[in-house]
């Protein structure tokens, strides 16, 4: 599919698809695929499922990823991330926040 592993985080891979960056990140059994075009995401999911089987897929404005409740807010272009206060701040959150800010700049 043309993805290249991120040399700083081997659980992240990037590819340019239709002139835009597509990012896949995974941690154990959690995965996230990011691209501005939903059809690109669908195509990648279908290719992954051919090799690894059917996945549970969530789409829309609200997601749960690695214990984080993530909500994309269309009205002001922000992203809200909530975590249970009993959990420690995870390294994945530190990785994800700058990337979510980049999504807002589209």
C-alpha atoms as a PDB file:
ATOM      1  CA  UNK A   1       0.000   0.000   0.000  1.00  0.00           C
ATOM      2  CA  UNK A   2       3.046   2.253  -0.021  1.00  0.00           C
ATOM      3  CA  UNK A   3       3.219   3.082   3.695  1.00  0.00           C
ATOM      4  CA  UNK A   4       6.543   3.889   5.318  1.00  0.00           C
ATOM      5  CA  UNK A   5       7.190   3.372   9.007  1.00  0.00           C
ATOM      6  CA  UNK A   6       7.892   6.459  11.053  1.00  0.00           C
ATOM      7  CA  UNK A   7      11.534   6.138  12.157  1.00  0.00           C
ATOM      8  CA  UNK A   8      10.703   7.717  15.540  1.00  0.00           C
ATOM      9  CA  UNK A   9       7.634   5.573  16.288  1.00  0.00           C
ATOM     10  CA  UNK A  10       7.471   2.154  14.639  1.00  0.00           C
ATOM     11  CA  UNK A  11       3.748   1.869  15.456  1.00  0.00           C
ATOM     12  CA  UNK A  12       2.978   4.652  12.964  1.00  0.00           C
ATOM     13  CA  UNK A  13       3.105   4.488   9.183  1.00  0.00           C
ATOM     14  CA  UNK A  14       2.449   7.234   6.617  1.00  0.00           C
ATOM     15  CA  UNK A  15       1.702   7.385   2.916  1.00  0.00           C
ATOM     16  CA  UNK A  16       0.689  10.083   0.447  1.00  0.00           C
ATOM     17  CA  UNK A  17      -2.657   9.080  -1.088  1.00  0.00           C
ATOM     18  CA  UNK A  18      -4.558  11.368  -3.465  1.00  0.00           C
ATOM     19  CA  UNK A  19      -2.101  14.136  -2.604  1.00  0.00           C
ATOM     20  CA  UNK A  20      -2.804  14.018   1.152  1.00  0.00           C
ATOM     21  CA  UNK A  21      -1.119  12.260   4.038  1.00  0.00           C
ATOM     22  CA  UNK A  22      -2.665   9.041   5.290  1.00  0.00           C
ATOM     23  CA  UNK A  23      -1.574   7.831   8.723  1.00  0.00           C
ATOM     24  CA  UNK A  24      -2.088   4.428  10.303  1.00  0.00           C
ATOM     25  CA  UNK A  25      -1.221   3.962  13.970  1.00  0.00           C
ATOM     26  CA  UNK A  26      -1.611   0.818  16.031  1.00  0.00           C
ATOM     27  CA  UNK A  27      -1.101  -0.293  19.597  1.00  0.00           C
ATOM     28  CA  UNK A  28      -1.800  -3.947  20.427  1.00  0.00           C
ATOM     29  CA  UNK A  29      -5.383  -4.339  19.157  1.00  0.00           C
ATOM     30  CA  UNK A  30      -6.244  -0.652  18.750  1.00  0.00           C
ATOM     31  CA  UNK A  31      -5.820   0.960  15.338  1.00  0.00           C
ATOM     32  CA  UNK A  32      -6.510   4.360  13.866  1.00  0.00           C
ATOM     33  CA  UNK A  33      -6.496   5.401  10.212  1.00  0.00           C
ATOM     34  CA  UNK A  34      -6.500   9.103   9.352  1.00  0.00           C
ATOM     35  CA  UNK A  35      -7.133  10.693   5.949  1.00  0.00           C
ATOM     36  CA  UNK A  36      -9.265  13.609   4.768  1.00  0.00           C
ATOM     37  CA  UNK A  37     -11.085  11.383   2.243  1.00  0.00           C
ATOM     38  CA  UNK A  38     -13.390   8.718   3.732  1.00  0.00           C
ATOM     39  CA  UNK A  39     -13.131   6.595   0.588  1.00  0.00           C
ATOM     40  CA  UNK A  40      -9.380   6.253   1.146  1.00  0.00           C
ATOM     41  CA  UNK A  41      -9.989   5.034   4.697  1.00  0.00           C
ATOM     42  CA  UNK A  42     -12.584   2.534   3.433  1.00  0.00           C
ATOM     43  CA  UNK A  43     -10.190   1.206   0.799  1.00  0.00           C
ATOM     44  CA  UNK A  44      -7.413   0.712   3.355  1.00  0.00           C
ATOM     45  CA  UNK A  45      -9.771  -1.036   5.791  1.00  0.00           C
ATOM     46  CA  UNK A  46     -10.891  -3.417   3.039  1.00  0.00           C
ATOM     47  CA  UNK A  47      -7.272  -4.258   2.137  1.00  0.00           C
ATOM     48  CA  UNK A  48      -6.346  -4.883   5.783  1.00  0.00           C
ATOM     49  CA  UNK A  49      -9.418  -7.076   6.312  1.00  0.00           C
ATOM     50  CA  UNK A  50      -8.494  -9.284   3.334  1.00  0.00           C
ATOM     51  CA  UNK A  51      -5.268 -10.200   5.132  1.00  0.00           C
ATOM     52  CA  UNK A  52      -6.278 -10.092   8.815  1.00  0.00           C
ATOM     53  CA  UNK A  53     -10.059 -10.567   8.921  1.00  0.00           C
ATOM     54  CA  UNK A  54     -12.999  -8.325   9.716  1.00  0.00           C
ATOM     55  CA  UNK A  55     -12.319  -5.434  12.092  1.00  0.00           C
ATOM     56  CA  UNK A  56     -14.659  -3.436  14.282  1.00  0.00           C
ATOM     57  CA  UNK A  57     -14.850  -0.009  12.631  1.00  0.00           C
ATOM     58  CA  UNK A  58     -16.184   3.224  14.106  1.00  0.00           C
ATOM     59  CA  UNK A  59     -16.748   6.352  12.055  1.00  0.00           C
ATOM     60  CA  UNK A  60     -18.125   9.708  12.855  1.00  0.00           C
ATOM     61  CA  UNK A  61     -17.408  12.402  15.382  1.00  0.00           C
ATOM     62  CA  UNK A  62     -16.932  10.256  18.525  1.00  0.00           C
ATOM     63  CA  UNK A  63     -14.350   7.519  19.074  1.00  0.00           C
ATOM     64  CA  UNK A  64     -12.792   5.595  21.940  1.00  0.00           C
ATOM     65  CA  UNK A  65      -9.081   4.958  21.374  1.00  0.00           C
ATOM     66  CA  UNK A  66      -6.730   3.604  24.045  1.00  0.00           C
ATOM     67  CA  UNK A  67      -9.046   4.700  26.837  1.00  0.00           C
ATOM     68  CA  UNK A  68      -9.540   8.187  25.422  1.00  0.00           C
ATOM     69  CA  UNK A  69     -12.965   9.514  24.464  1.00  0.00           C
ATOM     70  CA  UNK A  70     -12.288  11.612  21.354  1.00  0.00           C
ATOM     71  CA  UNK A  71     -14.923  13.955  19.932  1.00  0.00           C
ATOM     72  CA  UNK A  72     -14.430  16.063  16.805  1.00  0.00           C
ATOM     73  CA  UNK A  73     -16.381  19.328  17.091  1.00  0.00           C
ATOM     74  CA  UNK A  74     -17.502  20.657  13.697  1.00  0.00           C
ATOM     75  CA  UNK A  75     -18.880  23.920  15.058  1.00  0.00           C
ATOM     76  CA  UNK A  76     -15.472  25.281  16.051  1.00  0.00           C
ATOM     77  CA  UNK A  77     -13.001  22.803  14.514  1.00  0.00           C
ATOM     78  CA  UNK A  78     -11.699  21.594  17.870  1.00  0.00           C
ATOM     79  CA  UNK A  79     -11.126  18.111  19.242  1.00  0.00           C
ATOM     80  CA  UNK A  80     -12.129  17.157  22.779  1.00  0.00           C
ATOM     81  CA  UNK A  81     -10.198  14.333  24.440  1.00  0.00           C
ATOM     82  CA  UNK A  82     -11.395  12.990  27.781  1.00  0.00           C
ATOM     83  CA  UNK A  83      -9.798  10.300  29.908  1.00  0.00           C
ATOM     84  CA  UNK A  84     -10.768   8.659  33.162  1.00  0.00           C
ATOM     85  CA  UNK A  85      -8.959  10.679  35.826  1.00  0.00           C
ATOM     86  CA  UNK A  86      -7.694   7.522  37.529  1.00  0.00           C
ATOM     87  CA  UNK A  87      -5.528   6.699  34.505  1.00  0.00           C
ATOM     88  CA  UNK A  88      -2.079   8.144  34.012  1.00  0.00           C
ATOM     89  CA  UNK A  89      -1.456  10.303  30.965  1.00  0.00           C
ATOM     90  CA  UNK A  90      -0.395   7.909  28.228  1.00  0.00           C
ATOM     91  CA  UNK A  91       2.468   8.334  25.739  1.00  0.00           C
ATOM     92  CA  UNK A  92      -0.029   7.799  22.906  1.00  0.00           C
ATOM     93  CA  UNK A  93      -1.928  10.912  24.014  1.00  0.00           C
ATOM     94  CA  UNK A  94       1.284  12.935  23.871  1.00  0.00           C
ATOM     95  CA  UNK A  95       1.855  11.536  20.369  1.00  0.00           C
ATOM     96  CA  UNK A  96      -1.716  12.124  19.208  1.00  0.00           C
ATOM     97  CA  UNK A  97      -2.371  15.710  20.357  1.00  0.00           C
ATOM     98  CA  UNK A  98       0.027  17.459  17.918  1.00  0.00           C
ATOM     99  CA  UNK A  99      -1.344  15.381  15.035  1.00  0.00           C
ATOM    100  CA  UNK A 100      -4.917  16.281  15.928  1.00  0.00           C
ATOM    101  CA  UNK A 101      -3.932  19.948  15.945  1.00  0.00           C
ATOM    102  CA  UNK A 102      -2.528  19.499  12.415  1.00  0.00           C
ATOM    103  CA  UNK A 103      -5.880  18.069  11.291  1.00  0.00           C
ATOM    104  CA  UNK A 104      -7.533  21.336  12.324  1.00  0.00           C
ATOM    105  CA  UNK A 105      -5.247  23.291   9.973  1.00  0.00           C
ATOM    106  CA  UNK A 106      -6.679  21.573   6.859  1.00  0.00           C
END
